[in-house]
Amino acid sequence: MKKLFVLSALSLMASTSFAATVAGGSSSSYVVPTASNMMAVGTAGIAMPTTVGGTADLTKVVSFAAGPIAQTNALIATPGTASAIITQIHPVTGLPYNVSETWKNTVAYNTNVYAYRQIDNPLPNFPQFGGEVIAKVSGAEVYFGEWAPRKSGTQPLNSTDLNLTDANRTVWYVGENPTTSMPTLVNAKYNVVGVNQYNPGTGAGVTSGVLTANYGSGSGTLTGTVGSINFGGTTIASNGSFSRTSQIQGQFYGANAEALAGIYTSGSTKVAFGGAKQ
């Protein structure tokens, strides 16, 4: 029997929290990585549409840690490919309704990957999270993942189809305490995971690799491979960001650049990635 997590609508009200600096990026206007203003204010989250077909609504940003991840962790103790159902009490009817099917898995480098498939329509003006994948870098409040709109029509209670083949699929990354002044790095190794059309029922759509960062005297490079993506030609800026033309963009996090995250886009290929320093 699948577990149910009943979430009161009142618990979605904003609560106070220590506000960290939050920074990130995405491949489209459907997702805007930013600090949350719901369920732990000032922590890492993303803005998503609150209307079907709309773009990101910056007035409704749910904290990853206090919101969806906390809900999934309350339901799934042992990571794997089994799912559970998150339910919510409707503020009008007073009855529970099915918010999402959710999964939690642990992949390479102790990276937790959470997945969500929107079942019923959300409350008015609440995020249209559709099919959402949230990967968390181990030991850091740094996240990366993908989003796609909810499939049209009545959704089944159980399905592993997150609609990630949709043309509006978006990849993103976000984290707390971005590096603003790059430290000197000499062959610093990062264990990195990538997600690309993740399938929560099989764990497919995950790649991994090791990236090497070198930085000094105002410039640097990031090299290596994650799956089939070669990072050759990626440069590091003094403010902790890194890029390669329009294909790769990302950010280091922590005062000593302990973690990184970013996205790769090339044609129809879109990959989000993140990892921590060895």
C-alpha atoms as a PDB file:
ATOM      1  CA  MET A   1       0.000   0.000   0.000  1.00  0.00           C
ATOM      2  CA  LYS A   2       1.284   3.423  -0.887  1.00  0.00           C
ATOM      3  CA  LYS A   3       1.806   5.871   1.958  1.00  0.00           C
ATOM      4  CA  LEU A   4      -0.129   9.138   2.029  1.00  0.00           C
ATOM      5  CA  PHE A   5       1.179  12.460   3.296  1.00  0.00           C
ATOM      6  CA  VAL A   6      -1.627  14.852   4.256  1.00  0.00           C
ATOM      7  CA  LEU A   7      -0.541  18.477   3.969  1.00  0.00           C
ATOM      8  CA  SER A   8      -2.680  21.224   5.464  1.00  0.00           C
ATOM      9  CA  ALA A   9      -3.076  24.274   3.246  1.00  0.00           C
ATOM     10  CA  LEU A  10      -2.173  26.357   6.293  1.00  0.00           C
ATOM     11  CA  SER A  11       1.268  24.771   6.340  1.00  0.00           C
ATOM     12  CA  LEU A  12       1.964  26.425   3.004  1.00  0.00           C
ATOM     13  CA  MET A  13       1.971  29.831   4.644  1.00  0.00           C
ATOM     14  CA  ALA A  14       5.348  31.541   4.750  1.00  0.00           C
ATOM     15  CA  SER A  15       7.459  31.025   7.855  1.00  0.00           C
ATOM     16  CA  THR A  16      10.508  32.930   8.947  1.00  0.00           C
ATOM     17  CA  SER A  17      13.973  31.543   8.392  1.00  0.00           C
ATOM     18  CA  PHE A  18      17.527  32.757   8.085  1.00  0.00           C
ATOM     19  CA  ALA A  19      17.752  34.357   4.659  1.00  0.00           C
ATOM     20  CA  ALA A  20      20.783  33.199   2.729  1.00  0.00           C
ATOM     21  CA  THR A  21      21.990  34.650  -0.546  1.00  0.00           C
ATOM     22  CA  VAL A  22      20.530  32.501  -3.331  1.00  0.00           C
ATOM     23  CA  ALA A  23      21.675  32.366  -6.964  1.00  0.00           C
ATOM     24  CA  GLY A  24      21.120  30.139  -9.977  1.00  0.00           C
ATOM     25  CA  GLY A  25      19.954  29.935 -13.570  1.00  0.00           C
ATOM     26  CA  SER A  26      17.594  28.127 -15.945  1.00  0.00           C
ATOM     27  CA  SER A  27      17.082  27.390 -19.621  1.00  0.00           C
ATOM     28  CA  SER A  28      13.680  29.134 -19.957  1.00  0.00           C
ATOM     29  CA  SER A  29      11.332  31.674 -18.396  1.00  0.00           C
ATOM     30  CA  TYR A  30       9.106  28.887 -17.054  1.00  0.00           C
ATOM     31  CA  VAL A  31      11.487  28.487 -14.115  1.00  0.00           C
ATOM     32  CA  VAL A  32      13.293  31.205 -12.152  1.00  0.00           C
ATOM     33  CA  PRO A  33      15.702  30.022  -9.427  1.00  0.00           C
ATOM     34  CA  THR A  34      15.460  32.369  -6.450  1.00  0.00           C
ATOM     35  CA  ALA A  35      15.032  32.629  -2.686  1.00  0.00           C
ATOM     36  CA  SER A  36      11.808  31.157  -1.326  1.00  0.00           C
ATOM     37  CA  ASN A  37       8.966  33.230   0.114  1.00  0.00           C
ATOM     38  CA  MET A  38       6.877  30.228   1.245  1.00  0.00           C
ATOM     39  CA  MET A  39       7.616  27.430   3.738  1.00  0.00           C
ATOM     40  CA  ALA A  40      10.959  28.841   5.056  1.00  0.00           C
ATOM     41  CA  VAL A  41      11.651  32.281   3.674  1.00  0.00           C
ATOM     42  CA  GLY A  42      14.999  33.007   2.082  1.00  0.00           C
ATOM     43  CA  THR A  43      16.124  29.468   1.246  1.00  0.00           C
ATOM     44  CA  ALA A  44      16.785  27.894  -2.152  1.00  0.00           C
ATOM     45  CA  GLY A  45      13.788  27.308  -4.406  1.00  0.00           C
ATOM     46  CA  ILE A  46      12.394  27.970  -7.860  1.00  0.00           C
ATOM     47  CA  ALA A  47       9.487  30.028  -9.136  1.00  0.00           C
ATOM     48  CA  MET A  48       7.198  28.148 -11.528  1.00  0.00           C
ATOM     49  CA  PRO A  49       3.995  29.100 -13.366  1.00  0.00           C
ATOM     50  CA  THR A  50       0.811  29.464 -11.302  1.00  0.00           C
ATOM     51  CA  THR A  51      -1.413  29.312 -14.384  1.00  0.00           C
ATOM     52  CA  VAL A  52      -1.461  26.735 -17.165  1.00  0.00           C
ATOM     53  CA  GLY A  53       0.789  27.979 -19.945  1.00  0.00           C
ATOM     54  CA  GLY A  54       2.120  30.854 -17.854  1.00  0.00           C
ATOM     55  CA  THR A  55       5.704  31.733 -16.989  1.00  0.00           C
ATOM     56  CA  ALA A  56       7.309  31.741 -13.558  1.00  0.00           C
ATOM     57  CA  ASP A  57       5.361  33.551 -10.825  1.00  0.00           C
ATOM     58  CA  LEU A  58       7.913  35.185  -8.519  1.00  0.00           C
ATOM     59  CA  THR A  59       5.313  35.757  -5.800  1.00  0.00           C
ATOM     60  CA  LYS A  60       4.998  32.007  -5.124  1.00  0.00           C
ATOM     61  CA  VAL A  61       8.370  30.363  -4.429  1.00  0.00           C
ATOM     62  CA  VAL A  62       8.345  27.279  -2.195  1.00  0.00           C
ATOM     63  CA  SER A  63      11.456  26.292  -0.224  1.00  0.00           C
ATOM     64  CA  PHE A  64      12.887  22.989  -1.476  1.00  0.00           C
ATOM     65  CA  ALA A  65      14.102  21.873   1.943  1.00  0.00           C
ATOM     66  CA  ALA A  66      10.988  22.841   3.922  1.00  0.00           C
ATOM     67  CA  GLY A  67       8.501  22.058   1.159  1.00  0.00           C
ATOM     68  CA  PRO A  68       8.615  19.155  -1.319  1.00  0.00           C
ATOM     69  CA  ILE A  69      11.756  17.505   0.051  1.00  0.00           C
ATOM     70  CA  ALA A  70      10.422  17.505   3.616  1.00  0.00           C
ATOM     71  CA  GLN A  71       7.141  16.036   2.375  1.00  0.00           C
ATOM     72  CA  THR A  72       8.890  13.256   0.461  1.00  0.00           C
ATOM     73  CA  ASN A  73      11.250  12.453   3.336  1.00  0.00           C
ATOM     74  CA  ALA A  74       8.234  12.073   5.635  1.00  0.00           C
ATOM     75  CA  LEU A  75       6.871   9.389   3.325  1.00  0.00           C
ATOM     76  CA  ILE A  76       9.900   7.547   1.972  1.00  0.00           C
ATOM     77  CA  ALA A  77      12.461   6.351   4.499  1.00  0.00           C
ATOM     78  CA  THR A  78      14.468   4.087   2.202  1.00  0.00           C
ATOM     79  CA  PRO A  79      15.548   5.518  -1.159  1.00  0.00           C
ATOM     80  CA  GLY A  80      14.637   3.489  -4.240  1.00  0.00           C
ATOM     81  CA  THR A  81      12.192   3.427  -7.137  1.00  0.00           C
ATOM     82  CA  ALA A  82       9.005   3.001  -5.063  1.00  0.00           C
ATOM     83  CA  SER A  83       6.615   5.957  -4.936  1.00  0.00           C
ATOM     84  CA  ALA A  84       4.233   7.516  -2.439  1.00  0.00           C
ATOM     85  CA  ILE A  85       1.317   9.944  -2.711  1.00  0.00           C
ATOM     86  CA  ILE A  86       1.292  13.438  -1.218  1.00  0.00           C
ATOM     87  CA  THR A  87      -2.240  14.591  -0.365  1.00  0.00           C
ATOM     88  CA  GLN A  88      -3.498  17.969   0.776  1.00  0.00           C
ATOM     89  CA  ILE A  89      -6.603  19.167   2.599  1.00  0.00           C
ATOM     90  CA  HIS A  90      -8.609  21.368   0.263  1.00  0.00           C
ATOM     91  CA  PRO A  91      -9.398  24.676   2.004  1.00  0.00           C
ATOM     92  CA  VAL A  92     -12.875  24.868   0.433  1.00  0.00           C
ATOM     93  CA  THR A  93     -14.138  21.284   0.533  1.00  0.00           C
ATOM     94  CA  GLY A  94     -12.193  20.234   3.619  1.00  0.00           C
ATOM     95  CA  LEU A  95     -11.428  16.952   1.874  1.00  0.00           C
ATOM     96  CA  PRO A  96      -8.049  15.497   0.920  1.00  0.00           C
ATOM     97  CA  TYR A  97      -7.041  15.524  -2.708  1.00  0.00           C
ATOM     98  CA  ASN A  98      -4.051  14.051  -4.492  1.00  0.00           C
ATOM     99  CA  VAL A  99      -1.312  16.620  -4.985  1.00  0.00           C
ATOM    100  CA  SER A 100       1.552  14.512  -6.295  1.00  0.00           C
ATOM    101  CA  GLU A 101       3.158  11.151  -6.731  1.00  0.00           C
ATOM    102  CA  THR A 102       6.711  11.351  -5.393  1.00  0.00           C
ATOM    103  CA  TRP A 103       9.946   9.363  -5.406  1.00  0.00           C
ATOM    104  CA  LYS A 104      13.311   9.546  -3.652  1.00  0.00           C
ATOM    105  CA  ASN A 105      16.444   7.816  -4.893  1.00  0.00           C
ATOM    106  CA  THR A 106      20.148   8.037  -4.084  1.00  0.00           C
ATOM    107  CA  VAL A 107      22.525   8.020  -7.042  1.00  0.00           C
ATOM    108  CA  ALA A 108      26.263   8.580  -7.550  1.00  0.00           C
ATOM    109  CA  TYR A 109      28.238  10.549  -4.958  1.00  0.00           C
ATOM    110  CA  ASN A 110      25.425  10.303  -2.389  1.00  0.00           C
ATOM    111  CA  THR A 111      23.238  12.630  -4.448  1.00  0.00           C
ATOM    112  CA  ASN A 112      19.551  12.431  -3.529  1.00  0.00           C
ATOM    113  CA  VAL A 113      17.157  12.774  -6.464  1.00  0.00           C
ATOM    114  CA  TYR A 114      13.539  13.667  -5.667  1.00  0.00           C
ATOM    115  CA  ALA A 115      10.820  13.469  -8.307  1.00  0.00           C
ATOM    116  CA  TYR A 116       7.248  14.754  -8.410  1.00  0.00           C
ATOM    117  CA  ARG A 117       4.333  14.213 -10.780  1.00  0.00           C
ATOM    118  CA  GLN A 118       1.390  16.566 -10.352  1.00  0.00           C
ATOM    119  CA  ILE A 119      -1.854  14.584 -10.191  1.00  0.00           C
ATOM    120  CA  ASP A 120      -4.754  16.974  -9.452  1.00  0.00           C
ATOM    121  CA  ASN A 121      -4.875  20.656 -10.262  1.00  0.00           C
ATOM    122  CA  PRO A 122      -3.123  22.789  -7.633  1.00  0.00           C
ATOM    123  CA  LEU A 123      -4.929  25.363  -5.528  1.00  0.00           C
ATOM    124  CA  PRO A 124      -5.533  28.653  -7.391  1.00  0.00           C
ATOM    125  CA  ASN A 125      -2.338  30.733  -7.617  1.00  0.00           C
ATOM    126  CA  PHE A 126      -0.163  27.861  -6.415  1.00  0.00           C
ATOM    127  CA  PRO A 127       2.771  26.505  -8.460  1.00  0.00           C
ATOM    128  CA  GLN A 128       2.064  24.344 -11.496  1.00  0.00           C
ATOM    129  CA  PHE A 129       4.961  21.998 -10.766  1.00  0.00           C
ATOM    130  CA  GLY A 130       3.936  19.438 -13.398  1.00  0.00           C
ATOM    131  CA  GLY A 131       6.799  16.967 -13.658  1.00  0.00           C
ATOM    132  CA  GLU A 132       9.618  18.111 -11.414  1.00  0.00           C
ATOM    133  CA  VAL A 133      13.014  16.596 -10.598  1.00  0.00           C
ATOM    134  CA  ILE A 134      15.087  18.021  -7.742  1.00  0.00           C
ATOM    135  CA  ALA A 135      18.619  16.715  -7.189  1.00  0.00           C
ATOM    136  CA  LYS A 136      20.529  17.807  -4.084  1.00  0.00           C
ATOM    137  CA  VAL A 137      24.316  18.050  -3.885  1.00  0.00           C
ATOM    138  CA  SER A 138      25.506  16.076  -0.863  1.00  0.00           C
ATOM    139  CA  GLY A 139      26.513  18.287   2.052  1.00  0.00           C
ATOM    140  CA  ALA A 140      25.381  21.581   0.500  1.00  0.00           C
ATOM    141  CA  GLU A 141      22.177  23.555  -0.003  1.00  0.00           C
ATOM    142  CA  VAL A 142      22.742  23.353  -3.753  1.00  0.00           C
ATOM    143  CA  TYR A 143      20.135  21.900  -6.108  1.00  0.00           C
ATOM    144  CA  PHE A 144      19.722  21.175  -9.816  1.00  0.00           C
ATOM    145  CA  GLY A 145      17.009  19.553 -11.874  1.00  0.00           C
ATOM    146  CA  GLU A 146      14.335  19.763 -14.513  1.00  0.00           C
ATOM    147  CA  TRP A 147      10.711  20.846 -14.898  1.00  0.00           C
ATOM    148  CA  ALA A 148       7.950  20.188 -17.423  1.00  0.00           C
ATOM    149  CA  PRO A 149       4.292  21.252 -17.479  1.00  0.00           C
ATOM    150  CA  ARG A 150       1.601  18.883 -16.216  1.00  0.00           C
ATOM    151  CA  LYS A 151       0.211  16.572 -18.868  1.00  0.00           C
ATOM    152  CA  SER A 152      -3.236  17.554 -20.068  1.00  0.00           C
ATOM    153  CA  GLY A 153      -6.317  15.628 -19.029  1.00  0.00           C
ATOM    154  CA  THR A 154      -7.086  13.514 -15.985  1.00  0.00           C
ATOM    155  CA  GLN A 155      -3.925  12.050 -14.492  1.00  0.00           C
ATOM    156  CA  PRO A 156      -3.662   8.476 -13.178  1.00  0.00           C
ATOM    157  CA  LEU A 157      -2.825   7.923  -9.522  1.00  0.00           C
ATOM    158  CA  ASN A 158       0.340   6.023 -10.473  1.00  0.00           C
ATOM    159  CA  SER A 159       2.631   6.644 -13.436  1.00  0.00           C
ATOM    160  CA  THR A 160       6.338   7.284 -13.967  1.00  0.00           C
ATOM    161  CA  ASP A 161       5.672   9.664 -16.871  1.00  0.00           C
ATOM    162  CA  LEU A 162       6.795  13.127 -15.709  1.00  0.00           C
ATOM    163  CA  ASN A 163       6.140  14.616 -19.176  1.00  0.00           C
ATOM    164  CA  LEU A 164       9.849  15.374 -19.590  1.00  0.00           C
ATOM    165  CA  THR A 165       9.664  14.970 -23.367  1.00  0.00           C
ATOM    166  CA  ASP A 166       7.544  18.143 -23.519  1.00  0.00           C
ATOM    167  CA  ALA A 167       8.978  20.942 -25.682  1.00  0.00           C
ATOM    168  CA  ASN A 168       8.842  23.327 -22.704  1.00  0.00           C
ATOM    169  CA  ARG A 169      11.010  21.127 -20.483  1.00  0.00           C
ATOM    170  CA  THR A 170      13.372  23.371 -18.544  1.00  0.00           C
ATOM    171  CA  VAL A 171      16.639  22.587 -16.756  1.00  0.00           C
ATOM    172  CA  TRP A 172      17.783  24.718 -13.824  1.00  0.00           C
ATOM    173  CA  TYR A 173      20.201  25.058 -10.887  1.00  0.00           C
ATOM    174  CA  VAL A 174      20.102  27.038  -7.651  1.00  0.00           C
ATOM    175  CA  GLY A 175      21.999  27.224  -4.385  1.00  0.00           C
ATOM    176  CA  GLU A 176      22.599  29.142  -1.202  1.00  0.00           C
ATOM    177  CA  ASN A 177      25.773  31.120  -0.481  1.00  0.00           C
ATOM    178  CA  PRO A 178      27.156  31.433  -4.035  1.00  0.00           C
ATOM    179  CA  THR A 179      30.883  31.998  -4.287  1.00  0.00           C
ATOM    180  CA  THR A 180      31.418  35.702  -4.956  1.00  0.00           C
ATOM    181  CA  SER A 181      35.210  35.778  -4.903  1.00  0.00           C
ATOM    182  CA  MET A 182      36.935  32.732  -6.330  1.00  0.00           C
ATOM    183  CA  PRO A 183      39.667  31.180  -4.192  1.00  0.00           C
ATOM    184  CA  THR A 184      42.830  29.809  -5.751  1.00  0.00           C
ATOM    185  CA  LEU A 185      42.167  26.274  -7.011  1.00  0.00           C
ATOM    186  CA  VAL A 186      44.828  23.857  -8.223  1.00  0.00           C
ATOM    187  CA  ASN A 187      43.454  20.694  -9.838  1.00  0.00           C
ATOM    188  CA  ALA A 188      40.417  20.744  -7.531  1.00  0.00           C
ATOM    189  CA  LYS A 189      38.251  17.714  -8.285  1.00  0.00           C
ATOM    190  CA  TYR A 190      34.446  17.767  -8.161  1.00  0.00           C
ATOM    191  CA  ASN A 191      32.234  14.663  -8.173  1.00  0.00           C
ATOM    192  CA  VAL A 192      29.362  15.683 -10.446  1.00  0.00           C
ATOM    193  CA  VAL A 193      25.973  14.162 -11.339  1.00  0.00           C
ATOM    194  CA  GLY A 194      23.835  15.098 -14.351  1.00  0.00           C
ATOM    195  CA  VAL A 195      20.078  14.612 -14.877  1.00  0.00           C
ATOM    196  CA  ASN A 196      18.411  14.433 -18.270  1.00  0.00           C
ATOM    197  CA  GLN A 197      14.784  13.255 -18.619  1.00  0.00           C
ATOM    198  CA  TYR A 198      14.923  11.325 -15.361  1.00  0.00           C
ATOM    199  CA  ASN A 199      12.728   8.226 -15.033  1.00  0.00           C
ATOM    200  CA  PRO A 200      11.886   7.715 -11.341  1.00  0.00           C
ATOM    201  CA  GLY A 201      10.668   4.170 -11.908  1.00  0.00           C
ATOM    202  CA  THR A 202      13.990   2.920 -13.279  1.00  0.00           C
ATOM    203  CA  GLY A 203      16.509   5.559 -12.235  1.00  0.00           C
ATOM    204  CA  ALA A 204      17.432   6.147 -15.881  1.00  0.00           C
ATOM    205  CA  GLY A 205      18.476   9.609 -17.010  1.00  0.00           C
ATOM    206  CA  VAL A 206      21.360  10.036 -14.554  1.00  0.00           C
ATOM    207  CA  THR A 207      25.018  10.436 -15.525  1.00  0.00           C
ATOM    208  CA  SER A 208      28.135  11.205 -13.517  1.00  0.00           C
ATOM    209  CA  GLY A 209      31.751  12.267 -13.870  1.00  0.00           C
ATOM    210  CA  VAL A 210      34.607  14.248 -12.394  1.00  0.00           C
ATOM    211  CA  LEU A 211      35.353  17.891 -13.234  1.00  0.00           C
ATOM    212  CA  THR A 212      38.667  19.623 -12.507  1.00  0.00           C
ATOM    213  CA  ALA A 213      38.827  23.307 -11.617  1.00  0.00           C
ATOM    214  CA  ASN A 214      41.906  25.501 -11.803  1.00  0.00           C
ATOM    215  CA  TYR A 215      41.693  29.154 -10.850  1.00  0.00           C
ATOM    216  CA  GLY A 216      44.191  31.907 -10.133  1.00  0.00           C
ATOM    217  CA  SER A 217      45.106  35.487 -11.062  1.00  0.00           C
ATOM    218  CA  GLY A 218      41.570  36.388 -12.126  1.00  0.00           C
ATOM    219  CA  SER A 219      40.840  33.540 -14.523  1.00  0.00           C
ATOM    220  CA  GLY A 220      40.412  29.790 -14.574  1.00  0.00           C
ATOM    221  CA  THR A 221      39.162  26.700 -16.347  1.00  0.00           C
ATOM    222  CA  LEU A 222      36.760  23.838 -15.685  1.00  0.00           C
ATOM    223  CA  THR A 223      37.516  20.604 -17.537  1.00  0.00           C
ATOM    224  CA  GLY A 224      36.422  16.979 -17.567  1.00  0.00           C
ATOM    225  CA  THR A 225      33.302  15.066 -18.585  1.00  0.00           C
ATOM    226  CA  VAL A 226      29.878  14.308 -17.120  1.00  0.00           C
ATOM    227  CA  GLY A 227      28.306  11.534 -19.141  1.00  0.00           C
ATOM    228  CA  SER A 228      28.845  12.561 -22.768  1.00  0.00           C
ATOM    229  CA  ILE A 229      29.317  16.272 -21.996  1.00  0.00           C
ATOM    230  CA  ASN A 230      32.890  17.477 -22.378  1.00  0.00           C
ATOM    231  CA  PHE A 231      33.567  20.666 -20.408  1.00  0.00           C
ATOM    232  CA  GLY A 232      36.665  21.648 -22.376  1.00  0.00           C
ATOM    233  CA  GLY A 233      36.712  25.387 -23.069  1.00  0.00           C
ATOM    234  CA  THR A 234      34.688  26.281 -19.960  1.00  0.00           C
ATOM    235  CA  THR A 235      36.089  29.328 -18.177  1.00  0.00           C
ATOM    236  CA  ILE A 236      35.724  30.447 -14.560  1.00  0.00           C
ATOM    237  CA  ALA A 237      35.133  34.112 -13.698  1.00  0.00           C
ATOM    238  CA  SER A 238      36.268  35.926 -10.554  1.00  0.00           C
ATOM    239  CA  ASN A 239      32.680  36.116  -9.223  1.00  0.00           C
ATOM    240  CA  GLY A 240      32.356  32.320  -9.034  1.00  0.00           C
ATOM    241  CA  SER A 241      30.394  31.819 -12.237  1.00  0.00           C
ATOM    242  CA  PHE A 242      31.549  29.641 -15.129  1.00  0.00           C
ATOM    243  CA  SER A 243      30.465  29.393 -18.759  1.00  0.00           C
ATOM    244  CA  ARG A 244      31.187  28.193 -22.273  1.00  0.00           C
ATOM    245  CA  THR A 245      29.472  30.189 -25.050  1.00  0.00           C
ATOM    246  CA  SER A 246      25.708  29.561 -24.771  1.00  0.00           C
ATOM    247  CA  GLN A 247      26.057  25.872 -23.955  1.00  0.00           C
ATOM    248  CA  ILE A 248      27.284  25.803 -20.358  1.00  0.00           C
ATOM    249  CA  GLN A 249      26.473  28.119 -17.485  1.00  0.00           C
ATOM    250  CA  GLY A 250      26.905  27.561 -13.781  1.00  0.00           C
ATOM    251  CA  GLN A 251      28.036  28.755 -10.398  1.00  0.00           C
ATOM    252  CA  PHE A 252      30.350  27.712  -7.578  1.00  0.00           C
ATOM    253  CA  TYR A 253      28.956  27.776  -4.037  1.00  0.00           C
ATOM    254  CA  GLY A 254      30.553  28.335  -0.627  1.00  0.00           C
ATOM    255  CA  ALA A 255      33.390  30.625   0.442  1.00  0.00           C
ATOM    256  CA  ASN A 256      35.929  28.029  -0.687  1.00  0.00           C
ATOM    257  CA  ALA A 257      33.978  26.890  -3.768  1.00  0.00           C
ATOM    258  CA  GLU A 258      32.994  23.633  -2.047  1.00  0.00           C
ATOM    259  CA  ALA A 259      30.214  22.865  -4.559  1.00  0.00           C
ATOM    260  CA  LEU A 260      29.072  23.735  -8.067  1.00  0.00           C
ATOM    261  CA  ALA A 261      25.959  23.429 -10.214  1.00  0.00           C
ATOM    262  CA  GLY A 262      24.872  24.427 -13.683  1.00  0.00           C
ATOM    263  CA  ILE A 263      23.147  23.533 -16.932  1.00  0.00           C
ATOM    264  CA  TYR A 264      24.171  22.382 -20.394  1.00  0.00           C
ATOM    265  CA  THR A 265      21.977  23.167 -23.401  1.00  0.00           C
ATOM    266  CA  SER A 266      22.695  22.299 -27.010  1.00  0.00           C
ATOM    267  CA  GLY A 267      19.809  21.983 -29.438  1.00  0.00           C
ATOM    268  CA  SER A 268      17.248  19.647 -27.898  1.00  0.00           C
ATOM    269  CA  THR A 269      19.736  18.312 -25.333  1.00  0.00           C
ATOM    270  CA  LYS A 270      19.300  19.858 -21.901  1.00  0.00           C
ATOM    271  CA  VAL A 271      21.151  18.601 -18.824  1.00  0.00           C
ATOM    272  CA  ALA A 272      21.287  19.944 -15.272  1.00  0.00           C
ATOM    273  CA  PHE A 273      24.306  19.035 -13.159  1.00  0.00           C
ATOM    274  CA  GLY A 274      25.849  19.587  -9.750  1.00  0.00           C
ATOM    275  CA  GLY A 275      28.435  18.211  -7.372  1.00  0.00           C
ATOM    276  CA  ALA A 276      30.801  18.733  -4.467  1.00  0.00           C
ATOM    277  CA  LYS A 277      34.554  19.028  -4.136  1.00  0.00           C
ATOM    278  CA  GLN A 278      36.338  15.771  -3.348  1.00  0.00           C
END
